């Protein structure tokens, strides 16, 4: 599998549920707000379809995302931040998110957003490390 453009993916040694629990705990420890927890598998089952574990956490903090939107309001389509945890066809659990540099490039944010992009990228890396350690 090749990573989709603009996405950073980490394998997890844990099952999907534990990876999500660890991720959520790391998000909350960082003082960020979880706005939604979308269980795609559960939603599929409710309509009679099958899907391997697939969960999306939507979270953030206005102090980070607002700087991106100040540089270009269209960045709001990619905010709040989202992290997807899924089990692939081989049974490997993965955690992935949009690379903040990709978001900045996609919206032409320029150097005005560099500090925010760097901080958001470092924060996402820390959350991923905590969830997949």
Protein backbone atom coordinates (compact mmCIF):
# COMPACT_ATOMS: atom_id res chain seq x y z
CA UNK A 1 0.00 0.00 0.00
CA UNK A 2 1.28 3.45 -0.85
CA UNK A 3 0.41 6.33 1.42
CA UNK A 4 -2.13 8.70 -0.14
CA UNK A 5 -0.58 12.08 -1.08
CA UNK A 6 -0.36 14.43 1.87
CA UNK A 7 -1.00 11.76 4.47
CA UNK A 8 1.34 10.58 7.22
CA UNK A 9 0.72 7.00 8.36
CA UNK A 10 2.10 5.11 11.36
CA UNK A 11 1.64 1.40 12.09
CA UNK A 12 0.37 0.52 15.55
CA UNK A 13 1.30 -2.58 17.55
CA UNK A 14 -2.09 -2.35 19.30
CA UNK A 15 -5.53 -3.34 18.08
CA UNK A 16 -7.67 -0.51 16.68
CA UNK A 17 -9.72 -0.02 19.85
CA UNK A 18 -6.66 0.29 22.07
CA UNK A 19 -4.97 2.60 19.58
CA UNK A 20 -8.02 4.88 19.62
CA UNK A 21 -8.14 4.84 23.45
CA UNK A 22 -4.45 5.75 23.63
CA UNK A 23 -4.90 8.47 21.01
CA UNK A 24 -7.90 9.98 22.77
CA UNK A 25 -6.06 9.98 26.10
CA UNK A 26 -3.05 11.70 24.48
CA UNK A 27 -5.32 14.31 22.87
CA UNK A 28 -6.98 15.06 26.20
CA UNK A 29 -3.62 15.19 28.05
CA UNK A 30 -2.48 17.76 25.49
CA UNK A 31 -5.43 19.97 26.44
CA UNK A 32 -7.13 19.58 23.06
CA UNK A 33 -10.86 19.16 22.55
CA UNK A 34 -12.29 16.02 20.93
CA UNK A 35 -15.21 17.28 18.85
CA UNK A 36 -16.28 13.93 17.39
CA UNK A 37 -15.46 10.24 17.39
CA UNK A 38 -16.82 8.66 14.22
CA UNK A 39 -16.97 4.88 14.21
CA UNK A 40 -17.24 4.08 10.49
CA UNK A 41 -17.42 0.34 11.17
CA UNK A 42 -20.33 0.74 13.56
CA UNK A 43 -22.13 2.96 11.05
CA UNK A 44 -21.60 0.35 8.31
CA UNK A 45 -22.95 -2.45 10.51
CA UNK A 46 -26.06 -0.39 11.27
CA UNK A 47 -26.96 -0.47 7.55
CA UNK A 48 -26.04 -4.13 7.05
CA UNK A 49 -22.56 -3.61 5.60
CA UNK A 50 -19.18 -4.89 6.72
CA UNK A 51 -16.07 -2.84 7.36
CA UNK A 52 -12.88 -3.54 9.26
CA UNK A 53 -12.33 -1.32 12.32
CA UNK A 54 -12.15 2.30 11.12
CA UNK A 55 -12.41 5.23 13.56
CA UNK A 56 -11.98 8.94 12.99
CA UNK A 57 -11.25 11.35 15.83
CA UNK A 58 -11.87 15.03 15.09
CA UNK A 59 -10.16 17.37 17.52
CA UNK A 60 -8.29 20.61 17.90
CA UNK A 61 -7.67 23.91 19.59
CA UNK A 62 -8.50 27.29 18.06
CA UNK A 63 -5.00 28.54 18.96
CA UNK A 64 -3.55 26.25 16.29
CA UNK A 65 -6.13 26.11 13.54
CA UNK A 66 -7.05 29.77 13.57
CA UNK A 67 -3.54 30.75 12.48
CA UNK A 68 -3.94 28.58 9.39
CA UNK A 69 -7.33 30.08 8.59
CA UNK A 70 -5.99 33.60 9.11
CA UNK A 71 -3.45 32.83 6.39
CA UNK A 72 -6.16 31.34 4.16
CA UNK A 73 -9.74 30.72 5.23
CA UNK A 74 -10.17 27.77 2.88
CA UNK A 75 -7.91 25.81 5.26
CA UNK A 76 -11.05 25.52 7.38
CA UNK A 77 -12.15 22.61 5.17
CA UNK A 78 -9.24 20.61 6.62
CA UNK A 79 -9.86 21.70 10.21
CA UNK A 80 -10.39 20.70 12.94
CA UNK A 81 -7.65 18.13 12.75
CA UNK A 82 -8.57 14.52 12.10
CA UNK A 83 -6.79 11.26 12.82
CA UNK A 84 -7.97 8.01 11.28
CA UNK A 85 -7.27 4.64 12.92
CA UNK A 86 -8.00 1.55 10.84
CA UNK A 87 -7.20 -2.11 10.43
CA UNK A 88 -6.01 -2.91 6.92
CA UNK A 89 -6.65 -6.08 4.91
CA UNK A 90 -3.52 -7.71 6.39
CA UNK A 91 -4.70 -7.07 9.96
CA UNK A 92 -2.20 -4.26 10.60
CA UNK A 93 -3.60 -1.33 12.54
CA UNK A 94 -2.60 2.05 11.19
CA UNK A 95 -2.97 5.63 12.33
CA UNK A 96 -2.97 8.40 9.74
CA UNK A 97 -3.48 12.13 9.40
CA UNK A 98 -3.09 14.93 6.87
CA UNK A 99 0.41 16.38 6.85
CA UNK A 100 0.05 20.02 7.97
CA UNK A 101 2.58 21.01 5.28
CA UNK A 102 0.26 19.47 2.69
CA UNK A 103 -2.66 21.46 4.12
CA UNK A 104 -0.59 24.65 3.91
CA UNK A 105 0.46 23.91 0.33
CA UNK A 106 -3.05 22.92 -0.69
CA UNK A 107 -4.41 26.28 0.47
CA UNK A 108 -1.40 28.40 -0.56
CA UNK A 109 -0.85 29.62 2.99
CA UNK A 110 2.72 30.78 2.44
CA UNK A 111 5.28 31.65 5.07
CA UNK A 112 2.73 33.39 7.32
CA UNK A 113 1.59 29.94 8.45
CA UNK A 114 5.05 28.34 8.85
CA UNK A 115 5.20 28.55 12.65
CA UNK A 116 1.69 27.14 13.08
CA UNK A 117 2.33 24.37 10.53
CA UNK A 118 5.53 23.36 12.32
CA UNK A 119 3.83 23.37 15.74
CA UNK A 120 0.82 21.40 14.51
CA UNK A 121 3.07 18.87 12.78
CA UNK A 122 5.11 18.34 15.94
CA UNK A 123 1.95 17.98 18.00
CA UNK A 124 0.46 15.41 15.64
CA UNK A 125 3.71 13.44 15.69
CA UNK A 126 3.64 13.37 19.50
CA UNK A 127 0.03 12.20 19.55
CA UNK A 128 0.78 9.48 17.01
CA UNK A 129 3.80 8.34 19.00
CA UNK A 130 1.78 8.16 22.21
CA UNK A 131 -1.00 6.19 20.52
CA UNK A 132 1.30 3.72 18.75
CA UNK A 133 4.07 3.27 21.34
